[in-house]
PDB file of N, CA and C in Angstrom:
ATOM      1  N   MET A   1       0.775  -1.308   0.199  1.00  0.00           N
ATOM      2  CA  MET A   1       0.000   0.131   0.041  1.00  0.00           C
ATOM      3  C   MET A   1       0.918   1.332  -0.045  1.00  0.00           C
ATOM      4  N   TYR A   2       1.617   1.353   0.858  1.00  0.00           N
ATOM      5  CA  TYR A   2       2.676   2.477   1.029  1.00  0.00           C
ATOM      6  C   TYR A   2       3.659   2.951  -0.456  1.00  0.00           C
ATOM      7  N   GLU A   3       3.918   1.832  -0.839  1.00  0.00           N
ATOM      8  CA  GLU A   3       4.541   1.595  -1.986  1.00  0.00           C
ATOM      9  C   GLU A   3       4.037   2.381  -3.126  1.00  0.00           C
ATOM     10  N   SER A   4       2.529   2.195  -3.407  1.00  0.00           N
ATOM     11  CA  SER A   4       1.914   2.674  -4.526  1.00  0.00           C
ATOM     12  C   SER A   4       1.634   3.948  -4.200  1.00  0.00           C
ATOM     13  N   ILE A   5       1.456   4.278  -3.022  1.00  0.00           N
ATOM     14  CA  ILE A   5       1.445   5.896  -2.325  1.00  0.00           C
ATOM     15  C   ILE A   5       2.449   6.645  -2.849  1.00  0.00           C
ATOM     16  N   GLN A   6       3.810   5.906  -2.534  1.00  0.00           N
ATOM     17  CA  GLN A   6       4.902   6.518  -2.780  1.00  0.00           C
ATOM     18  C   GLN A   6       5.244   6.802  -4.097  1.00  0.00           C
ATOM     19  N   ARG A   7       5.133   5.825  -5.025  1.00  0.00           N
ATOM     20  CA  ARG A   7       5.124   6.014  -6.261  1.00  0.00           C
ATOM     21  C   ARG A   7       4.332   7.075  -6.984  1.00  0.00           C
ATOM     22  N   GLU A   8       2.926   7.040  -6.617  1.00  0.00           N
ATOM     23  CA  GLU A   8       2.246   8.073  -7.236  1.00  0.00           C
ATOM     24  C   GLU A   8       2.636   9.638  -6.416  1.00  0.00           C
ATOM     25  N   GLU A   9       3.276   9.804  -5.368  1.00  0.00           N
ATOM     26  CA  GLU A   9       4.029  10.908  -5.101  1.00  0.00           C
ATOM     27  C   GLU A   9       5.245  11.125  -5.947  1.00  0.00           C
ATOM     28  N   LEU A  10       6.076   9.957  -5.963  1.00  0.00           N
ATOM     29  CA  LEU A  10       7.213  10.425  -7.048  1.00  0.00           C
ATOM     30  C   LEU A  10       6.877  10.949  -8.209  1.00  0.00           C
ATOM     31  N   PHE A  11       5.868  10.369  -9.019  1.00  0.00           N
ATOM     32  CA  PHE A  11       5.379  10.474 -10.432  1.00  0.00           C
ATOM     33  C   PHE A  11       4.784  12.161 -10.340  1.00  0.00           C
ATOM     34  N   ALA A  12       4.216  12.572  -9.205  1.00  0.00           N
ATOM     35  CA  ALA A  12       3.709  13.946  -8.960  1.00  0.00           C
ATOM     36  C   ALA A  12       4.663  15.011  -9.130  1.00  0.00           C
ATOM     37  N   ILE A  13       5.835  14.739  -8.267  1.00  0.00           N
ATOM     38  CA  ILE A  13       7.090  15.404  -8.339  1.00  0.00           C
ATOM     39  C   ILE A  13       7.964  15.397  -9.468  1.00  0.00           C
ATOM     40  N   CYS A  14       7.869  14.272 -10.031  1.00  0.00           N
ATOM     41  CA  CYS A  14       8.871  14.186 -11.356  1.00  0.00           C
ATOM     42  C   CYS A  14       7.887  15.202 -12.581  1.00  0.00           C
ATOM     43  N   SER A  15       6.669  14.958 -12.206  1.00  0.00           N
ATOM     44  CA  SER A  15       6.066  15.975 -13.514  1.00  0.00           C
ATOM     45  C   SER A  15       6.010  17.309 -13.328  1.00  0.00           C
ATOM     46  N   ILE A  16       5.837  17.528 -11.897  1.00  0.00           N
ATOM     47  CA  ILE A  16       5.540  19.125 -11.627  1.00  0.00           C
ATOM     48  C   ILE A  16       6.774  19.919 -11.594  1.00  0.00           C
ATOM     49  N   PHE A  17       7.884  19.054 -11.223  1.00  0.00           N
ATOM     50  CA  PHE A  17       9.078  19.920 -10.973  1.00  0.00           C
ATOM     51  C   PHE A  17      10.174  19.284 -11.762  1.00  0.00           C
ATOM     52  N   PRO A  18      10.194  18.616 -13.255  1.00  0.00           N
ATOM     53  CA  PRO A  18      11.095  18.052 -13.595  1.00  0.00           C
ATOM     54  C   PRO A  18      12.660  18.787 -13.776  1.00  0.00           C
ATOM     55  N   ASP A  19      12.667  20.188 -13.666  1.00  0.00           N
ATOM     56  CA  ASP A  19      13.793  20.763 -13.757  1.00  0.00           C
ATOM     57  C   ASP A  19      14.519  21.134 -12.643  1.00  0.00           C
ATOM     58  N   LEU A  20      13.605  20.940 -11.665  1.00  0.00           N
ATOM     59  CA  LEU A  20      14.332  21.166 -10.289  1.00  0.00           C
ATOM     60  C   LEU A  20      15.291  19.630  -9.601  1.00  0.00           C
ATOM     61  N   ILE A  21      14.791  18.669 -10.195  1.00  0.00           N
ATOM     62  CA  ILE A  21      15.295  17.233  -9.482  1.00  0.00           C
ATOM     63  C   ILE A  21      16.585  16.972  -9.906  1.00  0.00           C
ATOM     64  N   THR A  22      17.367  16.826  -8.878  1.00  0.00           N
ATOM     65  CA  THR A  22      18.876  16.126  -9.069  1.00  0.00           C
ATOM     66  C   THR A  22      19.102  15.133  -9.113  1.00  0.00           C
ATOM     67  N   SER A  23      18.277  14.176  -8.389  1.00  0.00           N
ATOM     68  CA  SER A  23      18.478  12.814  -8.245  1.00  0.00           C
ATOM     69  C   SER A  23      17.169  12.237  -7.777  1.00  0.00           C
ATOM     70  N   VAL A  24      16.944  11.135  -7.967  1.00  0.00           N
ATOM     71  CA  VAL A  24      15.638  10.028  -7.580  1.00  0.00           C
ATOM     72  C   VAL A  24      16.481   8.892  -7.239  1.00  0.00           C
ATOM     73  N   ASN A  25      16.365   8.523  -5.899  1.00  0.00           N
ATOM     74  CA  ASN A  25      16.777   7.358  -5.323  1.00  0.00           C
ATOM     75  C   ASN A  25      18.294   7.117  -5.650  1.00  0.00           C
ATOM     76  N   GLY A  26      19.326   8.071  -5.585  1.00  0.00           N
ATOM     77  CA  GLY A  26      20.509   8.110  -5.858  1.00  0.00           C
ATOM     78  C   GLY A  26      20.829   8.165  -7.226  1.00  0.00           C
ATOM     79  N   ILE A  27      19.990   8.172  -8.429  1.00  0.00           N
ATOM     80  CA  ILE A  27      20.157   8.011  -9.559  1.00  0.00           C
ATOM     81  C   ILE A  27      20.223   9.636 -10.066  1.00  0.00           C
ATOM     82  N   LYS A  28      21.119  10.206 -10.579  1.00  0.00           N
ATOM     83  CA  LYS A  28      21.295  11.675 -10.791  1.00  0.00           C
ATOM     84  C   LYS A  28      20.560  11.751 -12.023  1.00  0.00           C
ATOM     85  N   LYS A  29      19.817  12.880 -12.308  1.00  0.00           N
ATOM     86  CA  LYS A  29      18.892  13.371 -13.298  1.00  0.00           C
ATOM     87  C   LYS A  29      18.555  12.185 -14.185  1.00  0.00           C
ATOM     88  N   LEU A  30      16.958  12.333 -13.846  1.00  0.00           N
ATOM     89  CA  LEU A  30      16.456  11.250 -14.720  1.00  0.00           C
ATOM     90  C   LEU A  30      16.884  11.377 -16.299  1.00  0.00           C
ATOM     91  N   HIS A  31      16.919  10.589 -17.282  1.00  0.00           N
ATOM     92  CA  HIS A  31      17.291  11.137 -18.391  1.00  0.00           C
ATOM     93  C   HIS A  31      16.085  10.873 -19.376  1.00  0.00           C
ATOM     94  N   ILE A  32      15.481  10.212 -18.835  1.00  0.00           N
ATOM     95  CA  ILE A  32      13.742  10.001 -19.788  1.00  0.00           C
ATOM     96  C   ILE A  32      12.980  10.902 -18.972  1.00  0.00           C
ATOM     97  N   PRO A  33      11.910  11.491 -19.601  1.00  0.00           N
ATOM     98  CA  PRO A  33      10.659  12.003 -18.906  1.00  0.00           C
ATOM     99  C   PRO A  33       9.755  11.107 -18.331  1.00  0.00           C
ATOM    100  N   VAL A  34       9.008  11.156 -17.413  1.00  0.00           N
ATOM    101  CA  VAL A  34       8.368  10.015 -16.596  1.00  0.00           C
ATOM    102  C   VAL A  34       6.932  10.534 -17.278  1.00  0.00           C
ATOM    103  N   ASP A  35       6.348   9.782 -17.888  1.00  0.00           N
ATOM    104  CA  ASP A  35       4.846  10.145 -18.524  1.00  0.00           C
ATOM    105  C   ASP A  35       3.912   9.307 -17.704  1.00  0.00           C
ATOM    106  N   SER A  36       4.223   8.494 -17.000  1.00  0.00           N
ATOM    107  CA  SER A  36       3.311   7.627 -16.164  1.00  0.00           C
ATOM    108  C   SER A  36       3.747   6.928 -15.084  1.00  0.00           C
ATOM    109  N   VAL A  37       2.988   6.607 -14.305  1.00  0.00           N
ATOM    110  CA  VAL A  37       3.410   6.119 -12.788  1.00  0.00           C
ATOM    111  C   VAL A  37       3.954   4.684 -13.090  1.00  0.00           C
ATOM    112  N   ARG A  38       3.954   3.812 -14.245  1.00  0.00           N
ATOM    113  CA  ARG A  38       4.357   2.882 -14.756  1.00  0.00           C
ATOM    114  C   ARG A  38       5.807   2.928 -14.993  1.00  0.00           C
ATOM    115  N   ASP A  39       6.165   4.209 -15.571  1.00  0.00           N
ATOM    116  CA  ASP A  39       7.509   4.384 -15.606  1.00  0.00           C
ATOM    117  C   ASP A  39       8.507   4.246 -14.434  1.00  0.00           C
ATOM    118  N   LEU A  40       7.788   4.444 -13.332  1.00  0.00           N
ATOM    119  CA  LEU A  40       8.768   4.131 -12.180  1.00  0.00           C
ATOM    120  C   LEU A  40       8.439   2.874 -11.403  1.00  0.00           C
ATOM    121  N   ASP A  41       7.878   1.786 -12.157  1.00  0.00           N
ATOM    122  CA  ASP A  41       8.139   0.613 -11.603  1.00  0.00           C
ATOM    123  C   ASP A  41       9.312  -0.228 -10.882  1.00  0.00           C
ATOM    124  N   LYS A  42      10.196   0.412 -11.752  1.00  0.00           N
ATOM    125  CA  LYS A  42      11.600  -0.338 -11.099  1.00  0.00           C
ATOM    126  C   LYS A  42      12.456   0.530  -9.873  1.00  0.00           C
ATOM    127  N   ALA A  43      11.798   1.838  -9.965  1.00  0.00           N
ATOM    128  CA  ALA A  43      12.296   2.798  -8.663  1.00  0.00           C
ATOM    129  C   ALA A  43      12.473   2.096  -7.549  1.00  0.00           C
ATOM    130  N   ASN A  44      13.364   2.359  -6.780  1.00  0.00           N
ATOM    131  CA  ASN A  44      13.615   1.878  -5.302  1.00  0.00           C
ATOM    132  C   ASN A  44      12.643   2.526  -4.171  1.00  0.00           C
ATOM    133  N   PHE A  45      12.392   1.967  -3.276  1.00  0.00           N
ATOM    134  CA  PHE A  45      11.207   2.347  -2.425  1.00  0.00           C
ATOM    135  C   PHE A  45      11.899   2.019  -1.017  1.00  0.00           C
ATOM    136  N   PRO A  46      11.640   2.919  -0.094  1.00  0.00           N
ATOM    137  CA  PRO A  46      11.148   4.101  -0.025  1.00  0.00           C
ATOM    138  C   PRO A  46      11.783   5.155  -0.891  1.00  0.00           C
ATOM    139  N   VAL A  47      10.933   6.247  -1.397  1.00  0.00           N
ATOM    140  CA  VAL A  47      11.648   7.453  -2.209  1.00  0.00           C
ATOM    141  C   VAL A  47      12.431   7.920  -1.271  1.00  0.00           C
ATOM    142  N   GLN A  48      13.551   8.470  -2.251  1.00  0.00           N
ATOM    143  CA  GLN A  48      14.406   9.537  -2.128  1.00  0.00           C
ATOM    144  C   GLN A  48      14.446  10.572  -3.039  1.00  0.00           C
ATOM    145  N   VAL A  49      14.462  11.745  -3.220  1.00  0.00           N
ATOM    146  CA  VAL A  49      14.725  12.777  -4.065  1.00  0.00           C
ATOM    147  C   VAL A  49      15.459  13.997  -3.653  1.00  0.00           C
ATOM    148  N   SER A  50      16.286  14.593  -4.351  1.00  0.00           N
ATOM    149  CA  SER A  50      16.786  15.838  -4.104  1.00  0.00           C
ATOM    150  C   SER A  50      16.263  16.777  -5.241  1.00  0.00           C
ATOM    151  N   LEU A  51      15.828  17.831  -4.711  1.00  0.00           N
ATOM    152  CA  LEU A  51      15.612  19.029  -5.627  1.00  0.00           C
ATOM    153  C   LEU A  51      16.379  20.310  -5.519  1.00  0.00           C
ATOM    154  N   LYS A  52      16.774  20.925  -6.499  1.00  0.00           N
ATOM    155  CA  LYS A  52      17.756  22.042  -6.368  1.00  0.00           C
ATOM    156  C   LYS A  52      17.043  23.405  -6.771  1.00  0.00           C
ATOM    157  N   ILE A  53      16.818  24.191  -5.896  1.00  0.00           N
ATOM    158  CA  ILE A  53      16.226  25.298  -5.967  1.00  0.00           C
ATOM    159  C   ILE A  53      16.975  26.727  -5.970  1.00  0.00           C
ATOM    160  N   SER A  54      16.951  27.458  -7.007  1.00  0.00           N
ATOM    161  CA  SER A  54      17.679  28.700  -6.894  1.00  0.00           C
ATOM    162  C   SER A  54      16.888  30.040  -7.053  1.00  0.00           C
ATOM    163  N   SER A  55      17.505  31.038  -6.506  1.00  0.00           N
ATOM    164  CA  SER A  55      16.729  32.339  -6.681  1.00  0.00           C
ATOM    165  C   SER A  55      17.810  33.405  -6.771  1.00  0.00           C
ATOM    166  N   ILE A  56      17.419  34.332  -7.676  1.00  0.00           N
ATOM    167  CA  ILE A  56      18.397  35.514  -7.935  1.00  0.00           C
ATOM    168  C   ILE A  56      17.832  36.611  -6.928  1.00  0.00           C
ATOM    169  N   MET A  57      18.538  37.386  -6.055  1.00  0.00           N
ATOM    170  CA  MET A  57      18.221  38.373  -5.594  1.00  0.00           C
ATOM    171  C   MET A  57      18.450  39.550  -6.170  1.00  0.00           C
ATOM    172  N   ARG A  58      17.430  40.423  -6.027  1.00  0.00           N
ATOM    173  CA  ARG A  58      17.401  41.794  -6.881  1.00  0.00           C
ATOM    174  C   ARG A  58      17.961  42.969  -5.913  1.00  0.00           C
ATOM    175  N   PRO A  59      18.177  43.756  -6.105  1.00  0.00           N
ATOM    176  CA  PRO A  59      18.972  44.376  -7.252  1.00  0.00           C
ATOM    177  C   PRO A  59      20.341  43.665  -7.385  1.00  0.00           C
ATOM    178  N   SER A  60      20.882  43.098  -6.555  1.00  0.00           N
ATOM    179  CA  SER A  60      22.347  42.677  -6.867  1.00  0.00           C
ATOM    180  C   SER A  60      22.485  41.532  -7.563  1.00  0.00           C
ATOM    181  N   GLY A  61      21.385  40.927  -8.163  1.00  0.00           N
ATOM    182  CA  GLY A  61      21.660  39.639  -9.247  1.00  0.00           C
ATOM    183  C   GLY A  61      22.243  38.407  -8.620  1.00  0.00           C
ATOM    184  N   LEU A  62      22.419  38.492  -7.456  1.00  0.00           N
ATOM    185  CA  LEU A  62      23.235  37.084  -6.853  1.00  0.00           C
ATOM    186  C   LEU A  62      22.360  35.993  -6.796  1.00  0.00           C
ATOM    187  N   LYS A  63      22.816  34.835  -7.172  1.00  0.00           N
ATOM    188  CA  LYS A  63      22.175  33.787  -7.115  1.00  0.00           C
ATOM    189  C   LYS A  63      22.306  33.041  -6.118  1.00  0.00           C
ATOM    190  N   LYS A  64      21.454  32.428  -5.215  1.00  0.00           N
ATOM    191  CA  LYS A  64      21.481  31.606  -4.129  1.00  0.00           C
ATOM    192  C   LYS A  64      20.747  30.012  -4.439  1.00  0.00           C
ATOM    193  N   VAL A  65      21.374  29.069  -4.125  1.00  0.00           N
ATOM    194  CA  VAL A  65      20.822  27.912  -4.282  1.00  0.00           C
ATOM    195  C   VAL A  65      20.653  26.985  -2.757  1.00  0.00           C
ATOM    196  N   VAL A  66      19.911  26.240  -3.012  1.00  0.00           N
ATOM    197  CA  VAL A  66      19.437  25.337  -2.227  1.00  0.00           C
ATOM    198  C   VAL A  66      19.159  23.847  -2.643  1.00  0.00           C
ATOM    199  N   ILE A  67      19.717  22.901  -1.866  1.00  0.00           N
ATOM    200  CA  ILE A  67      19.225  21.447  -1.966  1.00  0.00           C
ATOM    201  C   ILE A  67      18.510  20.843  -1.089  1.00  0.00           C
ATOM    202  N   ILE A  68      17.488  20.655  -1.509  1.00  0.00           N
ATOM    203  CA  ILE A  68      16.447  19.701  -0.425  1.00  0.00           C
ATOM    204  C   ILE A  68      16.501  18.224  -0.782  1.00  0.00           C
ATOM    205  N   HIS A  69      17.134  17.432   0.245  1.00  0.00           N
ATOM    206  CA  HIS A  69      17.067  16.035  -0.211  1.00  0.00           C
ATOM    207  C   HIS A  69      15.774  15.313   0.727  1.00  0.00           C
ATOM    208  N   LEU A  70      14.806  14.718   0.176  1.00  0.00           N
ATOM    209  CA  LEU A  70      13.794  14.603   0.597  1.00  0.00           C
ATOM    210  C   LEU A  70      13.956  12.832   0.752  1.00  0.00           C
ATOM    211  N   SER A  71      13.102  12.191   1.668  1.00  0.00           N
ATOM    212  CA  SER A  71      13.228  10.899   1.878  1.00  0.00           C
ATOM    213  C   SER A  71      11.904  10.268   2.554  1.00  0.00           C
ATOM    214  N   CYS A  72      11.499   9.373   2.486  1.00  0.00           N
ATOM    215  CA  CYS A  72      10.096   8.648   2.654  1.00  0.00           C
ATOM    216  C   CYS A  72      10.703   7.410   3.929  1.00  0.00           C
ATOM    217  N   SER A  73      10.000   7.306   4.641  1.00  0.00           N
ATOM    218  CA  SER A  73      10.129   6.074   5.530  1.00  0.00           C
ATOM    219  C   SER A  73       9.232   4.964   5.018  1.00  0.00           C
ATOM    220  N   PRO A  74       9.523   3.902   5.264  1.00  0.00           N
ATOM    221  CA  PRO A  74       8.776   2.785   4.405  1.00  0.00           C
ATOM    222  C   PRO A  74       7.115   2.796   4.785  1.00  0.00           C
ATOM    223  N   THR A  75       7.044   3.544   5.848  1.00  0.00           N
ATOM    224  CA  THR A  75       5.462   3.648   6.428  1.00  0.00           C
ATOM    225  C   THR A  75       4.798   5.194   5.960  1.00  0.00           C
ATOM    226  N   TYR A  76       5.640   5.807   5.069  1.00  0.00           N
ATOM    227  CA  TYR A  76       5.207   7.355   4.811  1.00  0.00           C
ATOM    228  C   TYR A  76       3.881   7.134   3.604  1.00  0.00           C
ATOM    229  N   PRO A  77       2.707   7.851   4.014  1.00  0.00           N
ATOM    230  CA  PRO A  77       2.636   9.152   4.528  1.00  0.00           C
ATOM    231  C   PRO A  77       2.367   9.001   6.092  1.00  0.00           C
ATOM    232  N   GLU A  78       2.348   7.906   6.564  1.00  0.00           N
ATOM    233  CA  GLU A  78       1.399   7.809   8.213  1.00  0.00           C
ATOM    234  C   GLU A  78       2.679   8.526   8.966  1.00  0.00           C
ATOM    235  N   THR A  79       4.209   8.371   8.634  1.00  0.00           N
ATOM    236  CA  THR A  79       5.381   9.006   9.197  1.00  0.00           C
ATOM    237  C   THR A  79       5.544  10.033   8.629  1.00  0.00           C
ATOM    238  N   LEU A  80       6.344  10.881   9.393  1.00  0.00           N
ATOM    239  CA  LEU A  80       6.947  12.398   8.501  1.00  0.00           C
ATOM    240  C   LEU A  80       7.775  12.149   7.368  1.00  0.00           C
ATOM    241  N   LEU A  81       7.813  12.891   6.499  1.00  0.00           N
ATOM    242  CA  LEU A  81       8.701  12.890   5.576  1.00  0.00           C
ATOM    243  C   LEU A  81       9.826  13.635   6.147  1.00  0.00           C
ATOM    244  N   ASN A  82      11.303  12.674   5.669  1.00  0.00           N
ATOM    245  CA  ASN A  82      12.687  13.256   6.385  1.00  0.00           C
ATOM    246  C   ASN A  82      13.192  14.299   5.409  1.00  0.00           C
ATOM    247  N   PHE A  83      13.930  15.277   5.844  1.00  0.00           N
ATOM    248  CA  PHE A  83      14.243  16.130   4.897  1.00  0.00           C
ATOM    249  C   PHE A  83      15.732  16.493   5.385  1.00  0.00           C
ATOM    250  N   ARG A  84      16.490  17.007   4.538  1.00  0.00           N
ATOM    251  CA  ARG A  84      18.011  17.596   4.717  1.00  0.00           C
ATOM    252  C   ARG A  84      17.932  18.643   3.771  1.00  0.00           C
ATOM    253  N   ILE A  85      18.582  19.854   4.322  1.00  0.00           N
ATOM    254  CA  ILE A  85      18.867  21.144   3.596  1.00  0.00           C
ATOM    255  C   ILE A  85      20.263  21.412   3.410  1.00  0.00           C
ATOM    256  N   LYS A  86      20.882  21.737   2.058  1.00  0.00           N
ATOM    257  CA  LYS A  86      22.092  22.173   1.954  1.00  0.00           C
ATOM    258  C   LYS A  86      21.814  23.220   1.098  1.00  0.00           C
ATOM    259  N   GLY A  87      22.981  24.714   1.496  1.00  0.00           N
ATOM    260  CA  GLY A  87      22.719  25.584   0.833  1.00  0.00           C
ATOM    261  C   GLY A  87      24.125  26.085   0.362  1.00  0.00           C
ATOM    262  N   ASP A  88      24.277  27.043  -0.682  1.00  0.00           N
ATOM    263  CA  ASP A  88      25.737  27.335  -1.079  1.00  0.00           C
ATOM    264  C   ASP A  88      26.105  28.375  -0.196  1.00  0.00           C
ATOM    265  N   LYS A  89      27.148  28.856  -0.627  1.00  0.00           N
ATOM    266  CA  LYS A  89      27.967  29.809   0.622  1.00  0.00           C
ATOM    267  C   LYS A  89      27.367  31.137   0.521  1.00  0.00           C
ATOM    268  N   ARG A  90      26.385  31.414  -0.313  1.00  0.00           N
ATOM    269  CA  ARG A  90      25.554  32.572  -0.058  1.00  0.00           C
ATOM    270  C   ARG A  90      24.207  32.549   0.768  1.00  0.00           C
ATOM    271  N   VAL A  91      23.844  31.083   1.264  1.00  0.00           N
ATOM    272  CA  VAL A  91      22.841  31.169   1.887  1.00  0.00           C
ATOM    273  C   VAL A  91      23.249  31.005   3.299  1.00  0.00           C
ATOM    274  N   THR A  92      22.846  31.921   4.304  1.00  0.00           N
ATOM    275  CA  THR A  92      23.329  31.830   5.803  1.00  0.00           C
ATOM    276  C   THR A  92      22.473  30.390   6.578  1.00  0.00           C
ATOM    277  N   LYS A  93      23.434  30.268   7.650  1.00  0.00           N
ATOM    278  CA  LYS A  93      22.798  29.251   8.681  1.00  0.00           C
ATOM    279  C   LYS A  93      21.547  29.554   9.081  1.00  0.00           C
ATOM    280  N   THR A  94      21.379  30.906   9.118  1.00  0.00           N
ATOM    281  CA  THR A  94      19.971  31.195   9.765  1.00  0.00           C
ATOM    282  C   THR A  94      18.805  31.077   8.745  1.00  0.00           C
ATOM    283  N   GLN A  95      19.124  31.253   7.537  1.00  0.00           N
ATOM    284  CA  GLN A  95      18.151  30.947   6.375  1.00  0.00           C
ATOM    285  C   GLN A  95      17.938  29.827   6.133  1.00  0.00           C
ATOM    286  N   ILE A  96      18.704  29.022   6.504  1.00  0.00           N
ATOM    287  CA  ILE A  96      18.488  27.487   6.426  1.00  0.00           C
ATOM    288  C   ILE A  96      17.730  26.884   7.280  1.00  0.00           C
ATOM    289  N   SER A  97      17.919  27.397   8.629  1.00  0.00           N
ATOM    290  CA  SER A  97      17.587  27.100   9.893  1.00  0.00           C
ATOM    291  C   SER A  97      15.800  27.270   9.889  1.00  0.00           C
ATOM    292  N   VAL A  98      15.655  28.881   9.135  1.00  0.00           N
ATOM    293  CA  VAL A  98      14.093  29.150   8.831  1.00  0.00           C
ATOM    294  C   VAL A  98      13.252  28.283   7.916  1.00  0.00           C
ATOM    295  N   LEU A  99      14.109  27.911   6.666  1.00  0.00           N
ATOM    296  CA  LEU A  99      13.329  26.894   5.665  1.00  0.00           C
ATOM    297  C   LEU A  99      13.359  25.756   6.318  1.00  0.00           C
ATOM    298  N   HIS A 100      14.011  25.195   6.957  1.00  0.00           N
ATOM    299  CA  HIS A 100      14.069  23.983   8.060  1.00  0.00           C
ATOM    300  C   HIS A 100      12.880  23.722   8.713  1.00  0.00           C
ATOM    301  N   ASP A 101      12.693  24.938   9.483  1.00  0.00           N
ATOM    302  CA  ASP A 101      11.481  24.894  10.694  1.00  0.00           C
ATOM    303  C   ASP A 101      10.161  25.250   9.967  1.00  0.00           C
ATOM    304  N   VAL A 102      10.188  25.963   8.580  1.00  0.00           N
ATOM    305  CA  VAL A 102       8.979  25.940   7.759  1.00  0.00           C
ATOM    306  C   VAL A 102       8.539  24.646   7.083  1.00  0.00           C
ATOM    307  N   LEU A 103       9.691  23.855   6.833  1.00  0.00           N
ATOM    308  CA  LEU A 103       9.164  22.680   6.035  1.00  0.00           C
ATOM    309  C   LEU A 103       8.656  21.665   7.107  1.00  0.00           C
ATOM    310  N   LYS A 104       9.457  21.485   8.366  1.00  0.00           N
ATOM    311  CA  LYS A 104       9.120  20.770   9.629  1.00  0.00           C
ATOM    312  C   LYS A 104       7.792  20.974  10.086  1.00  0.00           C
ATOM    313  N   LYS A 105       7.411  22.274  10.228  1.00  0.00           N
ATOM    314  CA  LYS A 105       5.990  22.425  10.551  1.00  0.00           C
ATOM    315  C   LYS A 105       4.886  21.870   8.960  1.00  0.00           C
ATOM    316  N   LEU A 106       5.416  22.130   8.028  1.00  0.00           N
ATOM    317  CA  LEU A 106       4.332  21.791   7.096  1.00  0.00           C
ATOM    318  C   LEU A 106       4.393  20.074   6.952  1.00  0.00           C
ATOM    319  N   ALA A 107       5.618  19.567   6.997  1.00  0.00           N
ATOM    320  CA  ALA A 107       5.619  18.022   7.312  1.00  0.00           C
ATOM    321  C   ALA A 107       4.269  17.594   8.319  1.00  0.00           C
ATOM    322  N   GLU A 108       4.822  18.058   9.605  1.00  0.00           N
ATOM    323  CA  GLU A 108       4.009  17.855  10.668  1.00  0.00           C
ATOM    324  C   GLU A 108       2.404  18.056  10.471  1.00  0.00           C
ATOM    325  N   THR A 109       2.089  18.795   9.545  1.00  0.00           N
ATOM    326  CA  THR A 109       0.481  19.708   9.548  1.00  0.00           C
ATOM    327  C   THR A 109       0.191  18.287   8.408  1.00  0.00           C
ATOM    328  N   MET A 110       0.659  17.928   7.701  1.00  0.00           N
ATOM    329  CA  MET A 110       0.154  17.262   6.491  1.00  0.00           C
ATOM    330  C   MET A 110       0.721  15.665   6.625  1.00  0.00           C
ATOM    331  N   ARG A 111       1.068  15.157   7.882  1.00  0.00           N
ATOM    332  CA  ARG A 111       1.068  13.740   8.222  1.00  0.00           C
ATOM    333  C   ARG A 111       0.056  12.986   8.111  1.00  0.00           C
ATOM    334  N   GLY A 112       0.012  12.011   7.279  1.00  0.00           N
ATOM    335  CA  GLY A 112      -1.074  11.046   6.955  1.00  0.00           C
ATOM    336  C   GLY A 112      -1.705  11.416   5.603  1.00  0.00           C
ATOM    337  N   GLN A 113      -1.060  12.471   4.934  1.00  0.00           N
ATOM    338  CA  GLN A 113      -1.788  12.867   4.007  1.00  0.00           C
ATOM    339  C   GLN A 113      -0.552  12.663   2.800  1.00  0.00           C
ATOM    340  N   VAL A 114      -1.189  12.745   1.508  1.00  0.00           N
ATOM    341  CA  VAL A 114       0.040  12.720   0.244  1.00  0.00           C
ATOM    342  C   VAL A 114       0.144  14.137   0.137  1.00  0.00           C
ATOM    343  N   ILE A 115       1.434  14.527  -0.380  1.00  0.00           N
ATOM    344  CA  ILE A 115       1.668  16.173  -0.678  1.00  0.00           C
ATOM    345  C   ILE A 115       0.935  16.280  -1.763  1.00  0.00           C
TER     346      ILE A 115
END
């Protein structure tokens, strides 16, 4: 049951954010587009995904990059989604801490629901 839910979650993430994904279950960048849940039949479970998010600060034009590593426990979504956040040198520890707190609260609020 959990595996099929996680497969559907992974499909949604791959469909909505294809340009942000840096790896799925340790495999760097998917080389083929994911067109259906069946394309993920051989994916390893529980799910692990890394997303790279960039923002350009105005007016300086500085680019900040954050990588969020998401992983599901075998019983996700009944258990919390686990995540780690890494920022480039332009992202402060305070900014990472704030982002971590926001994501943790969101994960706690959504426990038991698919994202």
